[in-house]
Amino acid sequence: MTDESHTTKLAAKGFVSQSVNHSAGEYVRGGAHTNTIEGYFSILKRGIIGTYHHVSSTHLKRYLAEFDFRYNHRSSLGFSDSESFHAALPGIVGKRMTYRRTGQQPS
């Protein structure tokens, strides 16, 4: 779903594409709208500005993965805080982020 963007490359790869024309005052046509992605980006932007203040390109995929998880496990989809917490636990097992290799002496 896009707003006025022509995505011929996606159609060539088998994706179905629909668009709405915001400049003509059209915001929804049938099932085509951009409300979902605009809501997601609003939450992402608020989280980065309000919580992290800066996101490095090195760790961008980690920030996006966190916000994807939060969005897909939000209360409006029926997840409680406890259920989200328990869904997150398997993702942290065996992972540790450090700025130097484990066992490496500080310089």
PDB file of N, CA and C in Angstrom:
ATOM      1  N   MET A   1       0.849  -1.170   0.000  1.00  0.00           N
ATOM      2  CA  MET A   1       0.000   0.000   0.000  1.00  0.00           C
ATOM      3  C   MET A   1       0.895   1.233   0.000  1.00  0.00           C
ATOM      4  N   THR A   2       0.622   2.132  -0.892  1.00  0.00           N
ATOM      5  CA  THR A   2       1.418   3.354  -0.969  1.00  0.00           C
ATOM      6  C   THR A   2       0.508   4.555  -1.153  1.00  0.00           C
ATOM      7  N   ASP A   3       1.088   5.713  -0.969  1.00  0.00           N
ATOM      8  CA  ASP A   3       0.372   6.946  -1.282  1.00  0.00           C
ATOM      9  C   ASP A   3       1.052   7.593  -2.483  1.00  0.00           C
ATOM     10  N   GLU A   4       0.447   7.425  -3.614  1.00  0.00           N
ATOM     11  CA  GLU A   4       0.847   8.041  -4.878  1.00  0.00           C
ATOM     12  C   GLU A   4       2.173   7.537  -5.443  1.00  0.00           C
ATOM     13  N   SER A   5       2.733   6.513  -4.899  1.00  0.00           N
ATOM     14  CA  SER A   5       3.977   5.963  -5.415  1.00  0.00           C
ATOM     15  C   SER A   5       3.658   4.833  -6.392  1.00  0.00           C
ATOM     16  N   HIS A   6       4.362   4.798  -7.479  1.00  0.00           N
ATOM     17  CA  HIS A   6       4.161   3.735  -8.465  1.00  0.00           C
ATOM     18  C   HIS A   6       5.263   2.698  -8.270  1.00  0.00           C
ATOM     19  N   THR A   7       4.881   1.520  -7.832  1.00  0.00           N
ATOM     20  CA  THR A   7       5.841   0.476  -7.471  1.00  0.00           C
ATOM     21  C   THR A   7       5.820  -0.651  -8.500  1.00  0.00           C
ATOM     22  N   THR A   8       6.272  -0.352  -9.701  1.00  0.00           N
ATOM     23  CA  THR A   8       6.259  -1.358 -10.757  1.00  0.00           C
ATOM     24  C   THR A   8       7.254  -2.476 -10.484  1.00  0.00           C
ATOM     25  N   LYS A   9       8.331  -2.202  -9.770  1.00  0.00           N
ATOM     26  CA  LYS A   9       9.317  -3.236  -9.458  1.00  0.00           C
ATOM     27  C   LYS A   9       8.727  -4.308  -8.555  1.00  0.00           C
ATOM     28  N   LEU A  10       7.868  -3.919  -7.637  1.00  0.00           N
ATOM     29  CA  LEU A  10       7.228  -4.900  -6.755  1.00  0.00           C
ATOM     30  C   LEU A  10       6.265  -5.788  -7.529  1.00  0.00           C
ATOM     31  N   ALA A  11       5.498  -5.197  -8.429  1.00  0.00           N
ATOM     32  CA  ALA A  11       4.555  -5.972  -9.234  1.00  0.00           C
ATOM     33  C   ALA A  11       5.296  -6.987 -10.097  1.00  0.00           C
ATOM     34  N   ALA A  12       6.469  -6.611 -10.594  1.00  0.00           N
ATOM     35  CA  ALA A  12       7.263  -7.520 -11.419  1.00  0.00           C
ATOM     36  C   ALA A  12       7.759  -8.722 -10.622  1.00  0.00           C
ATOM     37  N   LYS A  13       7.839  -8.567  -9.294  1.00  0.00           N
ATOM     38  CA  LYS A  13       8.287  -9.672  -8.442  1.00  0.00           C
ATOM     39  C   LYS A  13       7.121 -10.451  -7.842  1.00  0.00           C
ATOM     40  N   GLY A  14       5.899 -10.170  -8.308  1.00  0.00           N
ATOM     41  CA  GLY A  14       4.742 -10.930  -7.870  1.00  0.00           C
ATOM     42  C   GLY A  14       3.960 -10.334  -6.723  1.00  0.00           C
ATOM     43  N   PHE A  15       4.335  -9.146  -6.249  1.00  0.00           N
ATOM     44  CA  PHE A  15       3.604  -8.498  -5.161  1.00  0.00           C
ATOM     45  C   PHE A  15       2.396  -7.761  -5.719  1.00  0.00           C
ATOM     46  N   VAL A  16       1.313  -7.753  -4.965  1.00  0.00           N
ATOM     47  CA  VAL A  16       0.134  -6.987  -5.342  1.00  0.00           C
ATOM     48  C   VAL A  16       0.267  -5.616  -4.705  1.00  0.00           C
ATOM     49  N   SER A  17       0.097  -4.581  -5.500  1.00  0.00           N
ATOM     50  CA  SER A  17       0.291  -3.220  -5.026  1.00  0.00           C
ATOM     51  C   SER A  17      -0.984  -2.417  -5.211  1.00  0.00           C
ATOM     52  N   GLN A  18      -1.315  -1.605  -4.213  1.00  0.00           N
ATOM     53  CA  GLN A  18      -2.436  -0.675  -4.310  1.00  0.00           C
ATOM     54  C   GLN A  18      -1.974   0.670  -3.784  1.00  0.00           C
ATOM     55  N   SER A  19      -2.581   1.737  -4.282  1.00  0.00           N
ATOM     56  CA  SER A  19      -2.203   3.061  -3.801  1.00  0.00           C
ATOM     57  C   SER A  19      -3.440   3.927  -3.627  1.00  0.00           C
ATOM     58  N   VAL A  20      -3.279   4.974  -2.837  1.00  0.00           N
ATOM     59  CA  VAL A  20      -4.312   5.990  -2.667  1.00  0.00           C
ATOM     60  C   VAL A  20      -3.686   7.325  -3.045  1.00  0.00           C
ATOM     61  N   ASN A  21      -4.529   8.266  -3.455  1.00  0.00           N
ATOM     62  CA  ASN A  21      -4.041   9.559  -3.931  1.00  0.00           C
ATOM     63  C   ASN A  21      -4.333  10.630  -2.887  1.00  0.00           C
ATOM     64  N   HIS A  22      -3.384  10.857  -1.987  1.00  0.00           N
ATOM     65  CA  HIS A  22      -3.577  11.837  -0.923  1.00  0.00           C
ATOM     66  C   HIS A  22      -3.768  13.250  -1.463  1.00  0.00           C
ATOM     67  N   SER A  23      -3.078  13.602  -2.543  1.00  0.00           N
ATOM     68  CA  SER A  23      -3.186  14.971  -3.067  1.00  0.00           C
ATOM     69  C   SER A  23      -4.579  15.261  -3.620  1.00  0.00           C
ATOM     70  N   ALA A  24      -5.340  14.216  -3.948  1.00  0.00           N
ATOM     71  CA  ALA A  24      -6.715  14.387  -4.423  1.00  0.00           C
ATOM     72  C   ALA A  24      -7.727  14.193  -3.293  1.00  0.00           C
ATOM     73  N   GLY A  25      -7.251  14.103  -2.045  1.00  0.00           N
ATOM     74  CA  GLY A  25      -8.137  13.943  -0.901  1.00  0.00           C
ATOM     75  C   GLY A  25      -8.590  12.508  -0.681  1.00  0.00           C
ATOM     76  N   GLU A  26      -7.951  11.564  -1.340  1.00  0.00           N
ATOM     77  CA  GLU A  26      -8.310  10.150  -1.171  1.00  0.00           C
ATOM     78  C   GLU A  26      -7.360   9.519  -0.155  1.00  0.00           C
ATOM     79  N   TYR A  27      -7.926   8.961   0.909  1.00  0.00           N
ATOM     80  CA  TYR A  27      -7.105   8.362   1.950  1.00  0.00           C
ATOM     81  C   TYR A  27      -7.373   6.876   2.126  1.00  0.00           C
ATOM     82  N   VAL A  28      -8.527   6.420   1.668  1.00  0.00           N
ATOM     83  CA  VAL A  28      -8.875   5.002   1.731  1.00  0.00           C
ATOM     84  C   VAL A  28      -9.637   4.654   0.461  1.00  0.00           C
ATOM     85  N   ARG A  29      -9.263   3.545  -0.160  1.00  0.00           N
ATOM     86  CA  ARG A  29     -10.022   3.003  -1.288  1.00  0.00           C
ATOM     87  C   ARG A  29     -10.118   1.511  -1.071  1.00  0.00           C
ATOM     88  N   GLY A  30     -11.292   1.058  -0.648  1.00  0.00           N
ATOM     89  CA  GLY A  30     -11.452  -0.356  -0.331  1.00  0.00           C
ATOM     90  C   GLY A  30     -10.537  -0.719   0.830  1.00  0.00           C
ATOM     91  N   GLY A  31      -9.646  -1.674   0.597  1.00  0.00           N
ATOM     92  CA  GLY A  31      -8.686  -2.066   1.629  1.00  0.00           C
ATOM     93  C   GLY A  31      -7.363  -1.339   1.529  1.00  0.00           C
ATOM     94  N   ALA A  32      -7.244  -0.426   0.568  1.00  0.00           N
ATOM     95  CA  ALA A  32      -5.981   0.291   0.368  1.00  0.00           C
ATOM     96  C   ALA A  32      -5.929   1.536   1.247  1.00  0.00           C
ATOM     97  N   HIS A  33      -4.929   1.608   2.107  1.00  0.00           N
ATOM     98  CA  HIS A  33      -4.674   2.783   2.945  1.00  0.00           C
ATOM     99  C   HIS A  33      -3.256   2.678   3.481  1.00  0.00           C
ATOM    100  N   THR A  34      -2.756   3.778   4.006  1.00  0.00           N
ATOM    101  CA  THR A  34      -1.399   3.791   4.571  1.00  0.00           C
ATOM    102  C   THR A  34      -1.421   4.002   6.083  1.00  0.00           C
ATOM    103  N   ASN A  35      -2.583   3.860   6.702  1.00  0.00           N
ATOM    104  CA  ASN A  35      -2.709   4.123   8.140  1.00  0.00           C
ATOM    105  C   ASN A  35      -1.817   3.212   8.980  1.00  0.00           C
ATOM    106  N   THR A  36      -1.714   1.934   8.624  1.00  0.00           N
ATOM    107  CA  THR A  36      -0.943   0.994   9.433  1.00  0.00           C
ATOM    108  C   THR A  36       0.532   1.373   9.463  1.00  0.00           C
ATOM    109  N   ILE A  37       1.117   1.620   8.299  1.00  0.00           N
ATOM    110  CA  ILE A  37       2.549   1.943   8.261  1.00  0.00           C
ATOM    111  C   ILE A  37       2.814   3.315   8.869  1.00  0.00           C
ATOM    112  N   GLU A  38       1.900   4.259   8.693  1.00  0.00           N
ATOM    113  CA  GLU A  38       2.078   5.567   9.313  1.00  0.00           C
ATOM    114  C   GLU A  38       2.020   5.463  10.836  1.00  0.00           C
ATOM    115  N   GLY A  39       1.152   4.605  11.353  1.00  0.00           N
ATOM    116  CA  GLY A  39       1.089   4.376  12.798  1.00  0.00           C
ATOM    117  C   GLY A  39       2.364   3.740  13.321  1.00  0.00           C
ATOM    118  N   TYR A  40       2.883   2.755  12.570  1.00  0.00           N
ATOM    119  CA  TYR A  40       4.128   2.090  12.966  1.00  0.00           C
ATOM    120  C   TYR A  40       5.279   3.101  13.004  1.00  0.00           C
ATOM    121  N   PHE A  41       5.417   3.907  11.942  1.00  0.00           N
ATOM    122  CA  PHE A  41       6.510   4.878  11.904  1.00  0.00           C
ATOM    123  C   PHE A  41       6.367   5.929  13.001  1.00  0.00           C
ATOM    124  N   SER A  42       5.133   6.270  13.361  1.00  0.00           N
ATOM    125  CA  SER A  42       4.913   7.216  14.445  1.00  0.00           C
ATOM    126  C   SER A  42       5.439   6.653  15.763  1.00  0.00           C
ATOM    127  N   ILE A  43       5.150   5.384  16.029  1.00  0.00           N
ATOM    128  CA  ILE A  43       5.635   4.729  17.248  1.00  0.00           C
ATOM    129  C   ILE A  43       7.159   4.618  17.225  1.00  0.00           C
ATOM    130  N   LEU A  44       7.715   4.242  16.078  1.00  0.00           N
ATOM    131  CA  LEU A  44       9.170   4.124  15.932  1.00  0.00           C
ATOM    132  C   LEU A  44       9.853   5.472  16.173  1.00  0.00           C
ATOM    133  N   LYS A  45       9.355   6.504  15.518  1.00  0.00           N
ATOM    134  CA  LYS A  45       9.951   7.842  15.650  1.00  0.00           C
ATOM    135  C   LYS A  45       9.875   8.334  17.099  1.00  0.00           C
ATOM    136  N   ARG A  46       8.707   8.164  17.730  1.00  0.00           N
ATOM    137  CA  ARG A  46       8.540   8.590  19.126  1.00  0.00           C
ATOM    138  C   ARG A  46       9.483   7.826  20.044  1.00  0.00           C
ATOM    139  N   GLY A  47       9.650   6.531  19.783  1.00  0.00           N
ATOM    140  CA  GLY A  47      10.539   5.718  20.604  1.00  0.00           C
ATOM    141  C   GLY A  47      11.994   6.118  20.466  1.00  0.00           C
ATOM    142  N   ILE A  48      12.409   6.410  19.244  1.00  0.00           N
ATOM    143  CA  ILE A  48      13.813   6.797  19.033  1.00  0.00           C
ATOM    144  C   ILE A  48      14.082   8.172  19.621  1.00  0.00           C
ATOM    145  N   ILE A  49      13.213   9.129  19.340  1.00  0.00           N
ATOM    146  CA  ILE A  49      13.434  10.485  19.841  1.00  0.00           C
ATOM    147  C   ILE A  49      13.288  10.543  21.360  1.00  0.00           C
ATOM    148  N   GLY A  50      12.280   9.855  21.889  1.00  0.00           N
ATOM    149  CA  GLY A  50      11.993   9.951  23.317  1.00  0.00           C
ATOM    150  C   GLY A  50      12.809   9.037  24.200  1.00  0.00           C
ATOM    151  N   THR A  51      13.295   7.912  23.663  1.00  0.00           N
ATOM    152  CA  THR A  51      14.012   6.949  24.491  1.00  0.00           C
ATOM    153  C   THR A  51      15.494   6.904  24.166  1.00  0.00           C
ATOM    154  N   TYR A  52      15.816   6.713  22.911  1.00  0.00           N
ATOM    155  CA  TYR A  52      17.208   6.484  22.532  1.00  0.00           C
ATOM    156  C   TYR A  52      17.935   7.745  22.086  1.00  0.00           C
ATOM    157  N   HIS A  53      17.240   8.729  21.571  1.00  0.00           N
ATOM    158  CA  HIS A  53      17.778  10.016  21.130  1.00  0.00           C
ATOM    159  C   HIS A  53      18.675   9.913  19.902  1.00  0.00           C
ATOM    160  N   HIS A  54      19.334   8.795  19.708  1.00  0.00           N
ATOM    161  CA  HIS A  54      20.224   8.609  18.557  1.00  0.00           C
ATOM    162  C   HIS A  54      20.281   7.117  18.233  1.00  0.00           C
ATOM    163  N   VAL A  55      20.314   6.807  16.952  1.00  0.00           N
ATOM    164  CA  VAL A  55      20.417   5.422  16.515  1.00  0.00           C
ATOM    165  C   VAL A  55      21.579   5.339  15.533  1.00  0.00           C
ATOM    166  N   SER A  56      22.557   4.503  15.842  1.00  0.00           N
ATOM    167  CA  SER A  56      23.684   4.356  14.917  1.00  0.00           C
ATOM    168  C   SER A  56      23.310   3.373  13.822  1.00  0.00           C
ATOM    169  N   SER A  57      23.844   3.567  12.643  1.00  0.00           N
ATOM    170  CA  SER A  57      23.562   2.663  11.525  1.00  0.00           C
ATOM    171  C   SER A  57      24.081   1.260  11.812  1.00  0.00           C
ATOM    172  N   THR A  58      25.107   1.161  12.659  1.00  0.00           N
ATOM    173  CA  THR A  58      25.665  -0.140  13.017  1.00  0.00           C
ATOM    174  C   THR A  58      24.624  -1.014  13.710  1.00  0.00           C
ATOM    175  N   HIS A  59      23.814  -0.424  14.557  1.00  0.00           N
ATOM    176  CA  HIS A  59      22.842  -1.181  15.349  1.00  0.00           C
ATOM    177  C   HIS A  59      21.396  -0.942  14.918  1.00  0.00           C
ATOM    178  N   LEU A  60      21.187  -0.304  13.772  1.00  0.00           N
ATOM    179  CA  LEU A  60      19.837   0.016  13.319  1.00  0.00           C
ATOM    180  C   LEU A  60      18.948  -1.220  13.238  1.00  0.00           C
ATOM    181  N   LYS A  61      19.483  -2.322  12.739  1.00  0.00           N
ATOM    182  CA  LYS A  61      18.661  -3.538  12.619  1.00  0.00           C
ATOM    183  C   LYS A  61      18.183  -4.029  13.983  1.00  0.00           C
ATOM    184  N   ARG A  62      18.954  -3.803  15.022  1.00  0.00           N
ATOM    185  CA  ARG A  62      18.546  -4.215  16.361  1.00  0.00           C
ATOM    186  C   ARG A  62      17.404  -3.346  16.893  1.00  0.00           C
ATOM    187  N   TYR A  63      17.502  -2.029  16.652  1.00  0.00           N
ATOM    188  CA  TYR A  63      16.427  -1.140  17.062  1.00  0.00           C
ATOM    189  C   TYR A  63      15.143  -1.487  16.317  1.00  0.00           C
ATOM    190  N   LEU A  64      15.240  -1.709  15.017  1.00  0.00           N
ATOM    191  CA  LEU A  64      14.055  -2.045  14.222  1.00  0.00           C
ATOM    192  C   LEU A  64      13.457  -3.374  14.663  1.00  0.00           C
ATOM    193  N   ALA A  65      14.301  -4.340  14.984  1.00  0.00           N
ATOM    194  CA  ALA A  65      13.800  -5.634  15.460  1.00  0.00           C
ATOM    195  C   ALA A  65      13.048  -5.460  16.779  1.00  0.00           C
ATOM    196  N   GLU A  66      13.560  -4.605  17.652  1.00  0.00           N
ATOM    197  CA  GLU A  66      12.878  -4.350  18.922  1.00  0.00           C
ATOM    198  C   GLU A  66      11.500  -3.735  18.685  1.00  0.00           C
ATOM    199  N   PHE A  67      11.428  -2.729  17.812  1.00  0.00           N
ATOM    200  CA  PHE A  67      10.149  -2.079  17.559  1.00  0.00           C
ATOM    201  C   PHE A  67       9.199  -2.995  16.787  1.00  0.00           C
ATOM    202  N   ASP A  68       9.718  -3.846  15.918  1.00  0.00           N
ATOM    203  CA  ASP A  68       8.871  -4.847  15.255  1.00  0.00           C
ATOM    204  C   ASP A  68       8.239  -5.761  16.294  1.00  0.00           C
ATOM    205  N   PHE A  69       9.060  -6.230  17.225  1.00  0.00           N
ATOM    206  CA  PHE A  69       8.550  -7.114  18.276  1.00  0.00           C
ATOM    207  C   PHE A  69       7.479  -6.401  19.096  1.00  0.00           C
ATOM    208  N   ARG A  70       7.761  -5.184  19.518  1.00  0.00           N
ATOM    209  CA  ARG A  70       6.794  -4.428  20.326  1.00  0.00           C
ATOM    210  C   ARG A  70       5.477  -4.228  19.564  1.00  0.00           C
ATOM    211  N   TYR A  71       5.586  -3.875  18.286  1.00  0.00           N
ATOM    212  CA  TYR A  71       4.390  -3.617  17.482  1.00  0.00           C
ATOM    213  C   TYR A  71       3.572  -4.894  17.296  1.00  0.00           C
ATOM    214  N   ASN A  72       4.239  -6.000  17.082  1.00  0.00           N
ATOM    215  CA  ASN A  72       3.552  -7.271  16.839  1.00  0.00           C
ATOM    216  C   ASN A  72       3.048  -7.942  18.114  1.00  0.00           C
ATOM    217  N   HIS A  73       3.451  -7.428  19.273  1.00  0.00           N
ATOM    218  CA  HIS A  73       3.008  -7.984  20.555  1.00  0.00           C
ATOM    219  C   HIS A  73       2.332  -6.911  21.418  1.00  0.00           C
ATOM    220  N   ARG A  74       1.659  -5.966  20.791  1.00  0.00           N
ATOM    221  CA  ARG A  74       1.020  -4.875  21.534  1.00  0.00           C
ATOM    222  C   ARG A  74      -0.327  -5.315  22.103  1.00  0.00           C
ATOM    223  N   SER A  75      -0.793  -4.562  23.072  1.00  0.00           N
ATOM    224  CA  SER A  75      -2.023  -4.934  23.782  1.00  0.00           C
ATOM    225  C   SER A  75      -3.247  -4.901  22.868  1.00  0.00           C
ATOM    226  N   SER A  76      -3.256  -4.040  21.854  1.00  0.00           N
ATOM    227  CA  SER A  76      -4.427  -3.986  20.970  1.00  0.00           C
ATOM    228  C   SER A  76      -4.558  -5.248  20.116  1.00  0.00           C
ATOM    229  N   LEU A  77      -3.507  -6.068  20.077  1.00  0.00           N
ATOM    230  CA  LEU A  77      -3.584  -7.354  19.394  1.00  0.00           C
ATOM    231  C   LEU A  77      -3.900  -8.483  20.372  1.00  0.00           C
ATOM    232  N   GLY A  78      -4.130  -8.116  21.640  1.00  0.00           N
ATOM    233  CA  GLY A  78      -4.536  -9.098  22.632  1.00  0.00           C
ATOM    234  C   GLY A  78      -3.417  -9.644  23.499  1.00  0.00           C
ATOM    235  N   PHE A  79      -2.219  -9.054  23.426  1.00  0.00           N
ATOM    236  CA  PHE A  79      -1.099  -9.518  24.242  1.00  0.00           C
ATOM    237  C   PHE A  79      -1.047  -8.743  25.554  1.00  0.00           C
ATOM    238  N   SER A  80      -0.902  -9.467  26.646  1.00  0.00           N
ATOM    239  CA  SER A  80      -0.691  -8.809  27.935  1.00  0.00           C
ATOM    240  C   SER A  80       0.810  -8.547  28.082  1.00  0.00           C
ATOM    241  N   ASP A  81       1.175  -7.722  29.064  1.00  0.00           N
ATOM    242  CA  ASP A  81       2.593  -7.464  29.319  1.00  0.00           C
ATOM    243  C   ASP A  81       3.317  -8.768  29.647  1.00  0.00           C
ATOM    244  N   SER A  82       2.665  -9.629  30.409  1.00  0.00           N
ATOM    245  CA  SER A  82       3.262 -10.905  30.783  1.00  0.00           C
ATOM    246  C   SER A  82       3.499 -11.793  29.558  1.00  0.00           C
ATOM    247  N   GLU A  83       2.524 -11.839  28.663  1.00  0.00           N
ATOM    248  CA  GLU A  83       2.677 -12.653  27.451  1.00  0.00           C
ATOM    249  C   GLU A  83       3.794 -12.121  26.558  1.00  0.00           C
ATOM    250  N   SER A  84       3.882 -10.809  26.435  1.00  0.00           N
ATOM    251  CA  SER A  84       4.962 -10.207  25.638  1.00  0.00           C
ATOM    252  C   SER A  84       6.322 -10.510  26.248  1.00  0.00           C
ATOM    253  N   PHE A  85       6.412 -10.404  27.565  1.00  0.00           N
ATOM    254  CA  PHE A  85       7.661 -10.701  28.265  1.00  0.00           C
ATOM    255  C   PHE A  85       8.096 -12.146  28.016  1.00  0.00           C
ATOM    256  N   HIS A  86       7.163 -13.079  28.163  1.00  0.00           N
ATOM    257  CA  HIS A  86       7.492 -14.490  27.965  1.00  0.00           C
ATOM    258  C   HIS A  86       7.807 -14.807  26.502  1.00  0.00           C
ATOM    259  N   ALA A  87       7.225 -14.061  25.579  1.00  0.00           N
ATOM    260  CA  ALA A  87       7.542 -14.246  24.163  1.00  0.00           C
ATOM    261  C   ALA A  87       8.944 -13.722  23.843  1.00  0.00           C
ATOM    262  N   ALA A  88       9.398 -12.717  24.599  1.00  0.00           N
ATOM    263  CA  ALA A  88      10.721 -12.125  24.359  1.00  0.00           C
ATOM    264  C   ALA A  88      11.857 -12.964  24.933  1.00  0.00           C
ATOM    265  N   LEU A  89      11.600 -13.705  25.992  1.00  0.00           N
ATOM    266  CA  LEU A  89      12.668 -14.445  26.680  1.00  0.00           C
ATOM    267  C   LEU A  89      13.485 -15.370  25.774  1.00  0.00           C
ATOM    268  N   PRO A  90      12.870 -16.189  24.922  1.00  0.00           N
ATOM    269  CA  PRO A  90      13.692 -17.075  24.085  1.00  0.00           C
ATOM    270  C   PRO A  90      14.657 -16.330  23.162  1.00  0.00           C
ATOM    271  N   GLY A  91      14.330 -15.092  22.837  1.00  0.00           N
ATOM    272  CA  GLY A  91      15.189 -14.311  21.950  1.00  0.00           C
ATOM    273  C   GLY A  91      16.465 -13.810  22.592  1.00  0.00           C
ATOM    274  N   ILE A  92      16.568 -13.864  23.914  1.00  0.00           N
ATOM    275  CA  ILE A  92      17.770 -13.353  24.570  1.00  0.00           C
ATOM    276  C   ILE A  92      18.725 -14.453  25.017  1.00  0.00           C
ATOM    277  N   VAL A  93      18.275 -15.685  24.955  1.00  0.00           N
ATOM    278  CA  VAL A  93      19.101 -16.797  25.430  1.00  0.00           C
ATOM    279  C   VAL A  93      20.373 -16.907  24.583  1.00  0.00           C
ATOM    280  N   GLY A  94      21.504 -16.899  25.260  1.00  0.00           N
ATOM    281  CA  GLY A  94      22.787 -17.076  24.586  1.00  0.00           C
ATOM    282  C   GLY A  94      23.313 -15.858  23.855  1.00  0.00           C
ATOM    283  N   LYS A  95      22.668 -14.702  24.028  1.00  0.00           N
ATOM    284  CA  LYS A  95      23.111 -13.496  23.334  1.00  0.00           C
ATOM    285  C   LYS A  95      23.633 -12.484  24.331  1.00  0.00           C
ATOM    286  N   ARG A  96      24.708 -11.854  23.942  1.00  0.00           N
ATOM    287  CA  ARG A  96      25.294 -10.820  24.776  1.00  0.00           C
ATOM    288  C   ARG A  96      25.977  -9.828  23.854  1.00  0.00           C
ATOM    289  N   MET A  97      25.613  -8.562  23.944  1.00  0.00           N
ATOM    290  CA  MET A  97      26.225  -7.554  23.095  1.00  0.00           C
ATOM    291  C   MET A  97      27.318  -6.846  23.877  1.00  0.00           C
ATOM    292  N   THR A  98      28.521  -6.896  23.361  1.00  0.00           N
ATOM    293  CA  THR A  98      29.648  -6.210  23.988  1.00  0.00           C
ATOM    294  C   THR A  98      30.364  -5.385  22.940  1.00  0.00           C
ATOM    295  N   TYR A  99      31.192  -4.469  23.388  1.00  0.00           N
ATOM    296  CA  TYR A  99      31.962  -3.644  22.452  1.00  0.00           C
ATOM    297  C   TYR A  99      33.372  -4.229  22.254  1.00  0.00           C
ATOM    298  N   ARG A 100      33.672  -5.303  22.946  1.00  0.00           N
ATOM    299  CA  ARG A 100      34.921  -6.023  22.695  1.00  0.00           C
ATOM    300  C   ARG A 100      34.598  -7.500  22.824  1.00  0.00           C
ATOM    301  N   ARG A 101      35.401  -8.310  22.246  1.00  0.00           N
ATOM    302  CA  ARG A 101      35.154  -9.745  22.270  1.00  0.00           C
ATOM    303  C   ARG A 101      35.249 -10.276  23.696  1.00  0.00           C
ATOM    304  N   THR A 102      34.413 -11.260  24.008  1.00  0.00           N
ATOM    305  CA  THR A 102      34.446 -11.874  25.318  1.00  0.00           C
ATOM    306  C   THR A 102      35.832 -12.451  25.561  1.00  0.00           C
ATOM    307  N   GLY A 103      36.398 -12.172  26.709  1.00  0.00           N
ATOM    308  CA  GLY A 103      37.730 -12.662  27.049  1.00  0.00           C
ATOM    309  C   GLY A 103      38.843 -11.713  26.650  1.00  0.00           C
ATOM    310  N   GLN A 104      38.528 -10.687  25.852  1.00  0.00           N
ATOM    311  CA  GLN A 104      39.540  -9.724  25.446  1.00  0.00           C
ATOM    312  C   GLN A 104      39.792  -8.746  26.588  1.00  0.00           C
ATOM    313  N   GLN A 105      41.031  -8.464  26.859  1.00  0.00           N
ATOM    314  CA  GLN A 105      41.401  -7.553  27.946  1.00  0.00           C
ATOM    315  C   GLN A 105      41.160  -6.118  27.526  1.00  0.00           C
ATOM    316  N   PRO A 106      40.685  -5.281  28.455  1.00  0.00           N
ATOM    317  CA  PRO A 106      40.509  -3.857  28.134  1.00  0.00           C
ATOM    318  C   PRO A 106      41.854  -3.217  27.806  1.00  0.00           C
ATOM    319  N   SER A 107      41.833  -2.260  26.897  1.00  0.00           N
ATOM    320  CA  SER A 107      43.098  -1.599  26.530  1.00  0.00           C
ATOM    321  C   SER A 107      43.357  -0.369  27.341  1.00  0.00           C
TER     322      SER A 107
END
